[in-house]
């Protein structure tokens, strides 16, 4: 019976040693996975940081293009308004001259 008990204890001891070995392997694998993930995250951060100037330049270029389009549109509206004002002034020029002459003549009579 002592031999059977010794065999059981040896078997349990071997199982415990295998379990400890598996735990150590899992810990090493976990640490390697953590380190690899950290390295990948760091590389992704560096890649993003390297792209920031290009992203900024692209944004500024689009903003400048939009500003140029807006300026051209404003200039076009200004020119249209200027033409309207000049046309209206020309249409009412003779009326304004007559009113001014009448006003001067009225003030001269007084």
PDB file of N, CA and C in Angstrom:
ATOM      1  N   UNK A   1       0.817  -1.188   0.000  1.00  0.00           N
ATOM      2  CA  UNK A   1       0.000   0.000   0.000  1.00  0.00           C
ATOM      3  C   UNK A   1       0.867   1.260   0.000  1.00  0.00           C
ATOM      4  N   UNK A   2       1.998   1.114   0.661  1.00  0.00           N
ATOM      5  CA  UNK A   2       2.907   2.234   0.703  1.00  0.00           C
ATOM      6  C   UNK A   2       3.394   2.568  -0.711  1.00  0.00           C
ATOM      7  N   UNK A   3       3.593   1.615  -1.551  1.00  0.00           N
ATOM      8  CA  UNK A   3       4.046   1.828  -2.905  1.00  0.00           C
ATOM      9  C   UNK A   3       2.972   2.524  -3.722  1.00  0.00           C
ATOM     10  N   UNK A   4       1.745   2.113  -3.557  1.00  0.00           N
ATOM     11  CA  UNK A   4       0.653   2.753  -4.279  1.00  0.00           C
ATOM     12  C   UNK A   4       0.512   4.203  -3.858  1.00  0.00           C
ATOM     13  N   UNK A   5       0.659   4.425  -2.568  1.00  0.00           N
ATOM     14  CA  UNK A   5       0.558   5.789  -2.047  1.00  0.00           C
ATOM     15  C   UNK A   5       1.724   6.616  -2.563  1.00  0.00           C
ATOM     16  N   UNK A   6       2.919   6.019  -2.616  1.00  0.00           N
ATOM     17  CA  UNK A   6       4.085   6.718  -3.148  1.00  0.00           C
ATOM     18  C   UNK A   6       3.878   7.059  -4.626  1.00  0.00           C
ATOM     19  N   UNK A   7       3.307   6.112  -5.363  1.00  0.00           N
ATOM     20  CA  UNK A   7       3.045   6.357  -6.786  1.00  0.00           C
ATOM     21  C   UNK A   7       2.050   7.496  -6.975  1.00  0.00           C
ATOM     22  N   UNK A   8       1.017   7.518  -6.135  1.00  0.00           N
ATOM     23  CA  UNK A   8       0.017   8.587  -6.224  1.00  0.00           C
ATOM     24  C   UNK A   8       0.667   9.926  -5.894  1.00  0.00           C
ATOM     25  N   UNK A   9       1.466   9.949  -4.838  1.00  0.00           N
ATOM     26  CA  UNK A   9       2.132  11.200  -4.453  1.00  0.00           C
ATOM     27  C   UNK A   9       3.103  11.664  -5.547  1.00  0.00           C
ATOM     28  N   UNK A  10       3.857  10.707  -6.136  1.00  0.00           N
ATOM     29  CA  UNK A  10       4.767  11.060  -7.229  1.00  0.00           C
ATOM     30  C   UNK A  10       3.976  11.618  -8.416  1.00  0.00           C
ATOM     31  N   UNK A  11       2.852  10.969  -8.695  1.00  0.00           N
ATOM     32  CA  UNK A  11       2.015  11.422  -9.814  1.00  0.00           C
ATOM     33  C   UNK A  11       1.483  12.824  -9.548  1.00  0.00           C
ATOM     34  N   UNK A  12       1.041  13.064  -8.311  1.00  0.00           N
ATOM     35  CA  UNK A  12       0.544  14.405  -7.944  1.00  0.00           C
ATOM     36  C   UNK A  12       1.666  15.434  -8.002  1.00  0.00           C
ATOM     37  N   UNK A  13       2.832  15.055  -7.556  1.00  0.00           N
ATOM     38  CA  UNK A  13       3.971  15.968  -7.589  1.00  0.00           C
ATOM     39  C   UNK A  13       4.340  16.296  -9.031  1.00  0.00           C
ATOM     40  N   UNK A  14       4.342  15.316  -9.913  1.00  0.00           N
ATOM     41  CA  UNK A  14       4.621  15.553 -11.332  1.00  0.00           C
ATOM     42  C   UNK A  14       3.547  16.447 -11.957  1.00  0.00           C
ATOM     43  N   UNK A  15       2.289  16.215 -11.595  1.00  0.00           N
ATOM     44  CA  UNK A  15       1.197  17.041 -12.123  1.00  0.00           C
ATOM     45  C   UNK A  15       1.365  18.483 -11.661  1.00  0.00           C
ATOM     46  N   UNK A  16       1.758  18.653 -10.397  1.00  0.00           N
ATOM     47  CA  UNK A  16       1.964  20.008  -9.875  1.00  0.00           C
ATOM     48  C   UNK A  16       3.131  20.680 -10.600  1.00  0.00           C
ATOM     49  N   UNK A  17       4.199  19.921 -10.854  1.00  0.00           N
ATOM     50  CA  UNK A  17       5.347  20.476 -11.563  1.00  0.00           C
ATOM     51  C   UNK A  17       4.971  20.865 -12.996  1.00  0.00           C
ATOM     52  N   UNK A  18       4.173  20.026 -13.676  1.00  0.00           N
ATOM     53  CA  UNK A  18       3.712  20.361 -15.027  1.00  0.00           C
ATOM     54  C   UNK A  18       2.825  21.608 -14.993  1.00  0.00           C
ATOM     55  N   UNK A  19       1.963  21.691 -13.971  1.00  0.00           N
ATOM     56  CA  UNK A  19       1.078  22.854 -13.840  1.00  0.00           C
ATOM     57  C   UNK A  19       1.901  24.119 -13.628  1.00  0.00           C
ATOM     58  N   UNK A  20       2.908  24.048 -12.769  1.00  0.00           N
ATOM     59  CA  UNK A  20       3.761  25.203 -12.526  1.00  0.00           C
ATOM     60  C   UNK A  20       4.509  25.596 -13.803  1.00  0.00           C
ATOM     61  N   UNK A  21       4.957  24.586 -14.542  1.00  0.00           N
ATOM     62  CA  UNK A  21       5.655  24.850 -15.800  1.00  0.00           C
ATOM     63  C   UNK A  21       4.717  25.539 -16.804  1.00  0.00           C
ATOM     64  N   UNK A  22       3.469  25.046 -16.872  1.00  0.00           N
ATOM     65  CA  UNK A  22       2.486  25.665 -17.773  1.00  0.00           C
ATOM     66  C   UNK A  22       2.184  27.102 -17.358  1.00  0.00           C
ATOM     67  N   UNK A  23       2.096  27.341 -16.042  1.00  0.00           N
ATOM     68  CA  UNK A  23       1.835  28.696 -15.540  1.00  0.00           C
ATOM     69  C   UNK A  23       2.999  29.619 -15.911  1.00  0.00           C
ATOM     70  N   UNK A  24       4.220  29.139 -15.745  1.00  0.00           N
ATOM     71  CA  UNK A  24       5.392  29.953 -16.094  1.00  0.00           C
ATOM     72  C   UNK A  24       5.417  30.251 -17.596  1.00  0.00           C
ATOM     73  N   UNK A  25       5.116  29.238 -18.410  1.00  0.00           N
ATOM     74  CA  UNK A  25       5.073  29.452 -19.858  1.00  0.00           C
ATOM     75  C   UNK A  25       3.991  30.476 -20.219  1.00  0.00           C
ATOM     76  N   UNK A  26       2.839  30.361 -19.558  1.00  0.00           N
ATOM     77  CA  UNK A  26       1.742  31.301 -19.827  1.00  0.00           C
ATOM     78  C   UNK A  26       2.140  32.713 -19.417  1.00  0.00           C
ATOM     79  N   UNK A  27       2.841  32.846 -18.302  1.00  0.00           N
ATOM     80  CA  UNK A  27       3.287  34.170 -17.857  1.00  0.00           C
ATOM     81  C   UNK A  27       4.288  34.768 -18.840  1.00  0.00           C
ATOM     82  N   UNK A  28       5.213  33.938 -19.323  1.00  0.00           N
ATOM     83  CA  UNK A  28       6.190  34.414 -20.302  1.00  0.00           C
ATOM     84  C   UNK A  28       5.465  34.843 -21.581  1.00  0.00           C
ATOM     85  N   UNK A  29       4.509  34.032 -22.023  1.00  0.00           N
ATOM     86  CA  UNK A  29       3.740  34.363 -23.229  1.00  0.00           C
ATOM     87  C   UNK A  29       2.927  35.638 -23.026  1.00  0.00           C
ATOM     88  N   UNK A  30       2.328  35.778 -21.836  1.00  0.00           N
ATOM     89  CA  UNK A  30       1.555  36.990 -21.512  1.00  0.00           C
ATOM     90  C   UNK A  30       2.448  38.215 -21.558  1.00  0.00           C
ATOM     91  N   UNK A  31       3.630  38.119 -20.929  1.00  0.00           N
ATOM     92  CA  UNK A  31       4.558  39.255 -20.926  1.00  0.00           C
ATOM     93  C   UNK A  31       5.009  39.604 -22.343  1.00  0.00           C
ATOM     94  N   UNK A  32       5.245  38.577 -23.158  1.00  0.00           N
ATOM     95  CA  UNK A  32       5.649  38.826 -24.542  1.00  0.00           C
ATOM     96  C   UNK A  32       4.517  39.505 -25.311  1.00  0.00           C
ATOM     97  N   UNK A  33       3.276  39.056 -25.086  1.00  0.00           N
ATOM     98  CA  UNK A  33       2.123  39.663 -25.758  1.00  0.00           C
ATOM     99  C   UNK A  33       1.954  41.114 -25.323  1.00  0.00           C
ATOM    100  N   UNK A  34       2.117  41.374 -24.033  1.00  0.00           N
ATOM    101  CA  UNK A  34       2.002  42.750 -23.515  1.00  0.00           C
ATOM    102  C   UNK A  34       3.086  43.632 -24.135  1.00  0.00           C
ATOM    103  N   UNK A  35       4.313  43.132 -24.170  1.00  0.00           N
ATOM    104  CA  UNK A  35       5.412  43.920 -24.741  1.00  0.00           C
ATOM    105  C   UNK A  35       5.195  44.170 -26.233  1.00  0.00           C
ATOM    106  N   UNK A  36       4.724  43.161 -26.944  1.00  0.00           N
ATOM    107  CA  UNK A  36       4.459  43.327 -28.371  1.00  0.00           C
ATOM    108  C   UNK A  36       3.345  44.346 -28.597  1.00  0.00           C
ATOM    109  N   UNK A  37       2.301  44.270 -27.782  1.00  0.00           N
ATOM    110  CA  UNK A  37       1.184  45.209 -27.909  1.00  0.00           C
ATOM    111  C   UNK A  37       1.638  46.633 -27.601  1.00  0.00           C
ATOM    112  N   UNK A  38       2.473  46.778 -26.578  1.00  0.00           N
ATOM    113  CA  UNK A  38       3.011  48.110 -26.259  1.00  0.00           C
ATOM    114  C   UNK A  38       3.842  48.643 -27.427  1.00  0.00           C
ATOM    115  N   UNK A  39       4.665  47.786 -28.003  1.00  0.00           N
ATOM    116  CA  UNK A  39       5.502  48.211 -29.134  1.00  0.00           C
ATOM    117  C   UNK A  39       4.642  48.610 -30.321  1.00  0.00           C
ATOM    118  N   UNK A  40       3.581  47.845 -30.603  1.00  0.00           N
ATOM    119  CA  UNK A  40       2.683  48.179 -31.713  1.00  0.00           C
ATOM    120  C   UNK A  40       1.956  49.494 -31.448  1.00  0.00           C
ATOM    121  N   UNK A  41       1.517  49.700 -30.199  1.00  0.00           N
ATOM    122  CA  UNK A  41       0.844  50.958 -29.855  1.00  0.00           C
ATOM    123  C   UNK A  41       1.805  52.132 -30.007  1.00  0.00           C
ATOM    124  N   UNK A  42       3.044  51.953 -29.566  1.00  0.00           N
ATOM    125  CA  UNK A  42       4.043  53.016 -29.694  1.00  0.00           C
ATOM    126  C   UNK A  42       4.322  53.322 -31.166  1.00  0.00           C
ATOM    127  N   UNK A  43       4.423  52.274 -31.974  1.00  0.00           N
ATOM    128  CA  UNK A  43       4.656  52.469 -33.410  1.00  0.00           C
ATOM    129  C   UNK A  43       3.474  53.194 -34.054  1.00  0.00           C
ATOM    130  N   UNK A  44       2.259  52.836 -33.643  1.00  0.00           N
ATOM    131  CA  UNK A  44       1.074  53.508 -34.184  1.00  0.00           C
ATOM    132  C   UNK A  44       1.060  54.981 -33.782  1.00  0.00           C
ATOM    133  N   UNK A  45       1.430  55.278 -32.544  1.00  0.00           N
ATOM    134  CA  UNK A  45       1.497  56.666 -32.088  1.00  0.00           C
ATOM    135  C   UNK A  45       2.541  57.451 -32.888  1.00  0.00           C
ATOM    136  N   UNK A  46       3.696  56.833 -33.115  1.00  0.00           N
ATOM    137  CA  UNK A  46       4.742  57.513 -33.894  1.00  0.00           C
ATOM    138  C   UNK A  46       4.301  57.742 -35.334  1.00  0.00           C
ATOM    139  N   UNK A  47       3.611  56.748 -35.910  1.00  0.00           N
ATOM    140  CA  UNK A  47       3.132  56.901 -37.291  1.00  0.00           C
ATOM    141  C   UNK A  47       2.115  58.033 -37.371  1.00  0.00           C
ATOM    142  N   UNK A  48       1.234  58.101 -36.382  1.00  0.00           N
ATOM    143  CA  UNK A  48       0.234  59.175 -36.371  1.00  0.00           C
ATOM    144  C   UNK A  48       0.922  60.528 -36.187  1.00  0.00           C
ATOM    145  N   UNK A  49       1.869  60.593 -35.267  1.00  0.00           N
ATOM    146  CA  UNK A  49       2.582  61.854 -35.032  1.00  0.00           C
ATOM    147  C   UNK A  49       3.327  62.291 -36.291  1.00  0.00           C
ATOM    148  N   UNK A  50       3.841  61.328 -37.041  1.00  0.00           N
ATOM    149  CA  UNK A  50       4.549  61.675 -38.269  1.00  0.00           C
ATOM    150  C   UNK A  50       3.593  62.203 -39.331  1.00  0.00           C
ATOM    151  N   UNK A  51       2.332  61.790 -39.277  1.00  0.00           N
ATOM    152  CA  UNK A  51       1.352  62.234 -40.266  1.00  0.00           C
ATOM    153  C   UNK A  51       0.737  63.597 -39.924  1.00  0.00           C
ATOM    154  N   UNK A  52       0.912  64.064 -38.709  1.00  0.00           N
ATOM    155  CA  UNK A  52       0.278  65.324 -38.287  1.00  0.00           C
ATOM    156  C   UNK A  52       0.648  66.493 -39.199  1.00  0.00           C
ATOM    157  N   UNK A  53       1.921  66.704 -39.554  1.00  0.00           N
ATOM    158  CA  UNK A  53       2.225  67.830 -40.455  1.00  0.00           C
ATOM    159  C   UNK A  53       1.513  67.719 -41.804  1.00  0.00           C
ATOM    160  N   UNK A  54       1.441  66.512 -42.362  1.00  0.00           N
ATOM    161  CA  UNK A  54       0.757  66.347 -43.659  1.00  0.00           C
ATOM    162  C   UNK A  54      -0.735  66.619 -43.510  1.00  0.00           C
ATOM    163  N   UNK A  55      -1.315  66.150 -42.417  1.00  0.00           N
ATOM    164  CA  UNK A  55      -2.742  66.400 -42.170  1.00  0.00           C
ATOM    165  C   UNK A  55      -2.981  67.906 -42.019  1.00  0.00           C
ATOM    166  N   UNK A  56      -2.092  68.567 -41.283  1.00  0.00           N
ATOM    167  CA  UNK A  56      -2.216  70.019 -41.078  1.00  0.00           C
ATOM    168  C   UNK A  56      -2.086  70.756 -42.407  1.00  0.00           C
ATOM    169  N   UNK A  57      -1.086  70.371 -43.204  1.00  0.00           N
ATOM    170  CA  UNK A  57      -0.883  71.016 -44.504  1.00  0.00           C
ATOM    171  C   UNK A  57      -2.097  70.827 -45.405  1.00  0.00           C
ATOM    172  N   UNK A  58      -2.639  69.623 -45.400  1.00  0.00           N
ATOM    173  CA  UNK A  58      -3.824  69.345 -46.227  1.00  0.00           C
ATOM    174  C   UNK A  58      -5.000  70.205 -45.765  1.00  0.00           C
ATOM    175  N   UNK A  59      -5.179  70.313 -44.440  1.00  0.00           N
ATOM    176  CA  UNK A  59      -6.259  71.141 -43.904  1.00  0.00           C
ATOM    177  C   UNK A  59      -6.064  72.602 -44.301  1.00  0.00           C
ATOM    178  N   UNK A  60      -4.828  73.098 -44.163  1.00  0.00           N
ATOM    179  CA  UNK A  60      -4.557  74.499 -44.520  1.00  0.00           C
ATOM    180  C   UNK A  60      -4.780  74.743 -46.008  1.00  0.00           C
ATOM    181  N   UNK A  61      -4.390  73.786 -46.835  1.00  0.00           N
ATOM    182  CA  UNK A  61      -4.597  73.936 -48.277  1.00  0.00           C
ATOM    183  C   UNK A  61      -6.086  74.022 -48.597  1.00  0.00           C
ATOM    184  N   UNK A  62      -6.877  73.155 -47.980  1.00  0.00           N
ATOM    185  CA  UNK A  62      -8.324  73.196 -48.217  1.00  0.00           C
ATOM    186  C   UNK A  62      -8.921  74.500 -47.700  1.00  0.00           C
ATOM    187  N   UNK A  63      -8.435  74.968 -46.561  1.00  0.00           N
ATOM    188  CA  UNK A  63      -8.938  76.230 -46.003  1.00  0.00           C
ATOM    189  C   UNK A  63      -8.589  77.395 -46.928  1.00  0.00           C
ATOM    190  N   UNK A  64      -7.383  77.388 -47.463  1.00  0.00           N
ATOM    191  CA  UNK A  64      -6.980  78.454 -48.392  1.00  0.00           C
ATOM    192  C   UNK A  64      -7.818  78.410 -49.669  1.00  0.00           C
ATOM    193  N   UNK A  65      -8.069  77.214 -50.169  1.00  0.00           N
ATOM    194  CA  UNK A  65      -8.901  77.079 -51.374  1.00  0.00           C
ATOM    195  C   UNK A  65     -10.305  77.609 -51.107  1.00  0.00           C
ATOM    196  N   UNK A  66     -10.855  77.263 -49.941  1.00  0.00           N
ATOM    197  CA  UNK A  66     -12.198  77.739 -49.588  1.00  0.00           C
ATOM    198  C   UNK A  66     -12.203  79.262 -49.439  1.00  0.00           C
ATOM    199  N   UNK A  67     -11.155  79.800 -48.809  1.00  0.00           N
ATOM    200  CA  UNK A  67     -11.060  81.255 -48.652  1.00  0.00           C
ATOM    201  C   UNK A  67     -10.969  81.937 -50.016  1.00  0.00           C
ATOM    202  N   UNK A  68     -10.206  81.357 -50.925  1.00  0.00           N
ATOM    203  CA  UNK A  68     -10.080  81.921 -52.277  1.00  0.00           C
ATOM    204  C   UNK A  68     -11.423  81.897 -52.990  1.00  0.00           C
ATOM    205  N   UNK A  69     -12.133  80.769 -52.887  1.00  0.00           N
ATOM    206  CA  UNK A  69     -13.461  80.686 -53.525  1.00  0.00           C
ATOM    207  C   UNK A  69     -14.418  81.705 -52.921  1.00  0.00           C
ATOM    208  N   UNK A  70     -14.383  81.845 -51.604  1.00  0.00           N
ATOM    209  CA  UNK A  70     -15.268  82.799 -50.934  1.00  0.00           C
ATOM    210  C   UNK A  70     -14.929  84.225 -51.351  1.00  0.00           C
ATOM    211  N   UNK A  71     -13.639  84.531 -51.422  1.00  0.00           N
ATOM    212  CA  UNK A  71     -13.218  85.875 -51.839  1.00  0.00           C
ATOM    213  C   UNK A  71     -13.669  86.168 -53.262  1.00  0.00           C
ATOM    214  N   UNK A  72     -13.507  85.213 -54.158  1.00  0.00           N
ATOM    215  CA  UNK A  72     -13.950  85.413 -55.540  1.00  0.00           C
ATOM    216  C   UNK A  72     -15.465  85.626 -55.596  1.00  0.00           C
ATOM    217  N   UNK A  73     -16.187  84.883 -54.810  1.00  0.00           N
ATOM    218  CA  UNK A  73     -17.650  85.032 -54.772  1.00  0.00           C
ATOM    219  C   UNK A  73     -18.035  86.419 -54.249  1.00  0.00           C
ATOM    220  N   UNK A  74     -17.351  86.860 -53.195  1.00  0.00           N
ATOM    221  CA  UNK A  74     -17.624  88.201 -52.662  1.00  0.00           C
ATOM    222  C   UNK A  74     -17.283  89.282 -53.686  1.00  0.00           C
ATOM    223  N   UNK A  75     -16.167  89.119 -54.394  1.00  0.00           N
ATOM    224  CA  UNK A  75     -15.795  90.085 -55.420  1.00  0.00           C
ATOM    225  C   UNK A  75     -16.837  90.114 -56.538  1.00  0.00           C
ATOM    226  N   UNK A  76     -17.334  88.953 -56.914  1.00  0.00           N
ATOM    227  CA  UNK A  76     -18.364  88.891 -57.951  1.00  0.00           C
ATOM    228  C   UNK A  76     -19.629  89.611 -57.488  1.00  0.00           C
ATOM    229  N   UNK A  77     -20.045  89.354 -56.245  1.00  0.00           N
ATOM    230  CA  UNK A  77     -21.230  90.040 -55.707  1.00  0.00           C
ATOM    231  C   UNK A  77     -21.008  91.543 -55.638  1.00  0.00           C
ATOM    232  N   UNK A  78     -19.787  91.950 -55.229  1.00  0.00           N
ATOM    233  CA  UNK A  78     -19.480  93.372 -55.155  1.00  0.00           C
ATOM    234  C   UNK A  78     -19.577  94.008 -56.535  1.00  0.00           C
ATOM    235  N   UNK A  79     -19.013  93.367 -57.540  1.00  0.00           N
ATOM    236  CA  UNK A  79     -19.059  93.908 -58.899  1.00  0.00           C
ATOM    237  C   UNK A  79     -20.504  94.008 -59.386  1.00  0.00           C
ATOM    238  N   UNK A  80     -21.318  92.993 -59.114  1.00  0.00           N
ATOM    239  CA  UNK A  80     -22.731  93.039 -59.513  1.00  0.00           C
ATOM    240  C   UNK A  80     -23.437  94.202 -58.824  1.00  0.00           C
ATOM    241  N   UNK A  81     -23.183  94.384 -57.523  1.00  0.00           N
ATOM    242  CA  UNK A  81     -23.806  95.470 -56.780  1.00  0.00           C
ATOM    243  C   UNK A  81     -23.330  96.823 -57.298  1.00  0.00           C
ATOM    244  N   UNK A  82     -22.030  96.926 -57.609  1.00  0.00           N
ATOM    245  CA  UNK A  82     -21.478  98.174 -58.140  1.00  0.00           C
ATOM    246  C   UNK A  82     -22.153  98.537 -59.465  1.00  0.00           C
ATOM    247  N   UNK A  83     -22.348  97.554 -60.326  1.00  0.00           N
ATOM    248  CA  UNK A  83     -23.011  97.794 -61.611  1.00  0.00           C
ATOM    249  C   UNK A  83     -24.450  98.248 -61.366  1.00  0.00           C
ATOM    250  N   UNK A  84     -25.128  97.608 -60.423  1.00  0.00           N
ATOM    251  CA  UNK A  84     -26.509  98.003 -60.114  1.00  0.00           C
ATOM    252  C   UNK A  84     -26.562  99.440 -59.609  1.00  0.00           C
ATOM    253  N   UNK A  85     -25.644  99.798 -58.732  1.00  0.00           N
ATOM    254  CA  UNK A  85     -25.620 101.161 -58.185  1.00  0.00           C
ATOM    255  C   UNK A  85     -25.324 102.163 -59.295  1.00  0.00           C
ATOM    256  N   UNK A  86     -24.357 101.872 -60.155  1.00  0.00           N
ATOM    257  CA  UNK A  86     -24.035 102.776 -61.256  1.00  0.00           C
ATOM    258  C   UNK A  86     -25.212 102.904 -62.220  1.00  0.00           C
ATOM    259  N   UNK A  87     -25.870 101.801 -62.524  1.00  0.00           N
ATOM    260  CA  UNK A  87     -27.027 101.845 -63.423  1.00  0.00           C
ATOM    261  C   UNK A  87     -28.142 102.679 -62.820  1.00  0.00           C
ATOM    262  N   UNK A  88     -28.414 102.440 -61.526  1.00  0.00           N
ATOM    263  CA  UNK A  88     -29.466 103.208 -60.850  1.00  0.00           C
ATOM    264  C   UNK A  88     -29.092 104.685 -60.810  1.00  0.00           C
ATOM    265  N   UNK A  89     -27.834 105.001 -60.545  1.00  0.00           N
ATOM    266  CA  UNK A  89     -27.393 106.401 -60.497  1.00  0.00           C
ATOM    267  C   UNK A  89     -27.553 107.058 -61.865  1.00  0.00           C
ATOM    268  N   UNK A  90     -27.201 106.341 -62.909  1.00  0.00           N
ATOM    269  CA  UNK A  90     -27.348 106.895 -64.254  1.00  0.00           C
ATOM    270  C   UNK A  90     -28.816 107.112 -64.601  1.00  0.00           C
ATOM    271  N   UNK A  91     -29.666 106.180 -64.155  1.00  0.00           N
ATOM    272  CA  UNK A  91     -31.091 106.302 -64.462  1.00  0.00           C
ATOM    273  C   UNK A  91     -31.709 107.506 -63.753  1.00  0.00           C
ATOM    274  N   UNK A  92     -31.205 107.837 -62.594  1.00  0.00           N
ATOM    275  CA  UNK A  92     -31.805 108.919 -61.806  1.00  0.00           C
ATOM    276  C   UNK A  92     -30.965 110.207 -61.818  1.00  0.00           C
ATOM    277  N   UNK A  93     -29.931 110.245 -62.656  1.00  0.00           N
ATOM    278  CA  UNK A  93     -29.049 111.401 -62.695  1.00  0.00           C
ATOM    279  C   UNK A  93     -29.796 112.669 -63.123  1.00  0.00           C
ATOM    280  N   UNK A  94     -30.587 112.570 -64.173  1.00  0.00           N
ATOM    281  CA  UNK A  94     -31.287 113.779 -64.642  1.00  0.00           C
ATOM    282  C   UNK A  94     -32.301 114.255 -63.595  1.00  0.00           C
ATOM    283  N   UNK A  95     -32.972 113.330 -62.923  1.00  0.00           N
ATOM    284  CA  UNK A  95     -33.918 113.720 -61.868  1.00  0.00           C
ATOM    285  C   UNK A  95     -33.178 114.414 -60.730  1.00  0.00           C
ATOM    286  N   UNK A  96     -31.997 113.895 -60.375  1.00  0.00           N
ATOM    287  CA  UNK A  96     -31.224 114.499 -59.289  1.00  0.00           C
ATOM    288  C   UNK A  96     -30.746 115.896 -59.673  1.00  0.00           C
ATOM    289  N   UNK A  97     -30.326 116.075 -60.940  1.00  0.00           N
ATOM    290  CA  UNK A  97     -29.866 117.392 -61.384  1.00  0.00           C
ATOM    291  C   UNK A  97     -31.032 118.381 -61.341  1.00  0.00           C
ATOM    292  N   UNK A  98     -32.202 117.937 -61.846  1.00  0.00           N
ATOM    293  CA  UNK A  98     -33.379 118.825 -61.835  1.00  0.00           C
ATOM    294  C   UNK A  98     -33.769 119.196 -60.412  1.00  0.00           C
ATOM    295  N   UNK A  99     -33.734 118.211 -59.503  1.00  0.00           N
ATOM    296  CA  UNK A  99     -34.089 118.494 -58.109  1.00  0.00           C
ATOM    297  C   UNK A  99     -33.078 119.456 -57.496  1.00  0.00           C
ATOM    298  N   UNK A 100     -31.808 119.281 -57.802  1.00  0.00           N
ATOM    299  CA  UNK A 100     -30.778 120.169 -57.251  1.00  0.00           C
ATOM    300  C   UNK A 100     -30.946 121.588 -57.788  1.00  0.00           C
ATOM    301  N   UNK A 101     -31.228 121.700 -59.097  1.00  0.00           N
ATOM    302  CA  UNK A 101     -31.433 123.031 -59.689  1.00  0.00           C
ATOM    303  C   UNK A 101     -32.657 123.686 -59.067  1.00  0.00           C
ATOM    304  N   UNK A 102     -33.719 122.936 -58.911  1.00  0.00           N
ATOM    305  CA  UNK A 102     -34.951 123.485 -58.321  1.00  0.00           C
ATOM    306  C   UNK A 102     -34.681 123.938 -56.890  1.00  0.00           C
ATOM    307  N   UNK A 103     -33.915 123.148 -56.167  1.00  0.00           N
ATOM    308  CA  UNK A 103     -33.587 123.503 -54.790  1.00  0.00           C
ATOM    309  C   UNK A 103     -32.737 124.765 -54.758  1.00  0.00           C
ATOM    310  N   UNK A 104     -31.796 124.879 -55.641  1.00  0.00           N
ATOM    311  CA  UNK A 104     -30.960 126.085 -55.676  1.00  0.00           C
ATOM    312  C   UNK A 104     -31.786 127.315 -56.081  1.00  0.00           C
ATOM    313  N   UNK A 105     -32.671 127.129 -57.043  1.00  0.00           N
ATOM    314  CA  UNK A 105     -33.507 128.251 -57.454  1.00  0.00           C
ATOM    315  C   UNK A 105     -34.456 128.658 -56.347  1.00  0.00           C
ATOM    316  N   UNK A 106     -35.007 127.708 -55.646  1.00  0.00           N
ATOM    317  CA  UNK A 106     -35.903 127.997 -54.518  1.00  0.00           C
ATOM    318  C   UNK A 106     -35.146 128.742 -53.422  1.00  0.00           C
ATOM    319  N   UNK A 107     -33.943 128.323 -53.111  1.00  0.00           N
ATOM    320  CA  UNK A 107     -33.186 128.975 -52.046  1.00  0.00           C
ATOM    321  C   UNK A 107     -32.703 130.359 -52.493  1.00  0.00           C
ATOM    322  N   UNK A 108     -32.526 130.538 -53.814  1.00  0.00           N
ATOM    323  CA  UNK A 108     -32.119 131.854 -54.338  1.00  0.00           C
ATOM    324  C   UNK A 108     -33.274 132.834 -54.280  1.00  0.00           C
ATOM    325  N   UNK A 109     -34.487 132.370 -54.400  1.00  0.00           N
ATOM    326  CA  UNK A 109     -35.664 133.260 -54.354  1.00  0.00           C
ATOM    327  C   UNK A 109     -35.962 133.718 -52.936  1.00  0.00           C
ATOM    328  N   UNK A 110     -35.540 132.991 -52.011  1.00  0.00           N
ATOM    329  CA  UNK A 110     -35.875 133.344 -50.624  1.00  0.00           C
ATOM    330  C   UNK A 110     -35.038 134.397 -50.076  1.00  0.00           C
TER     331      UNK A 110
END
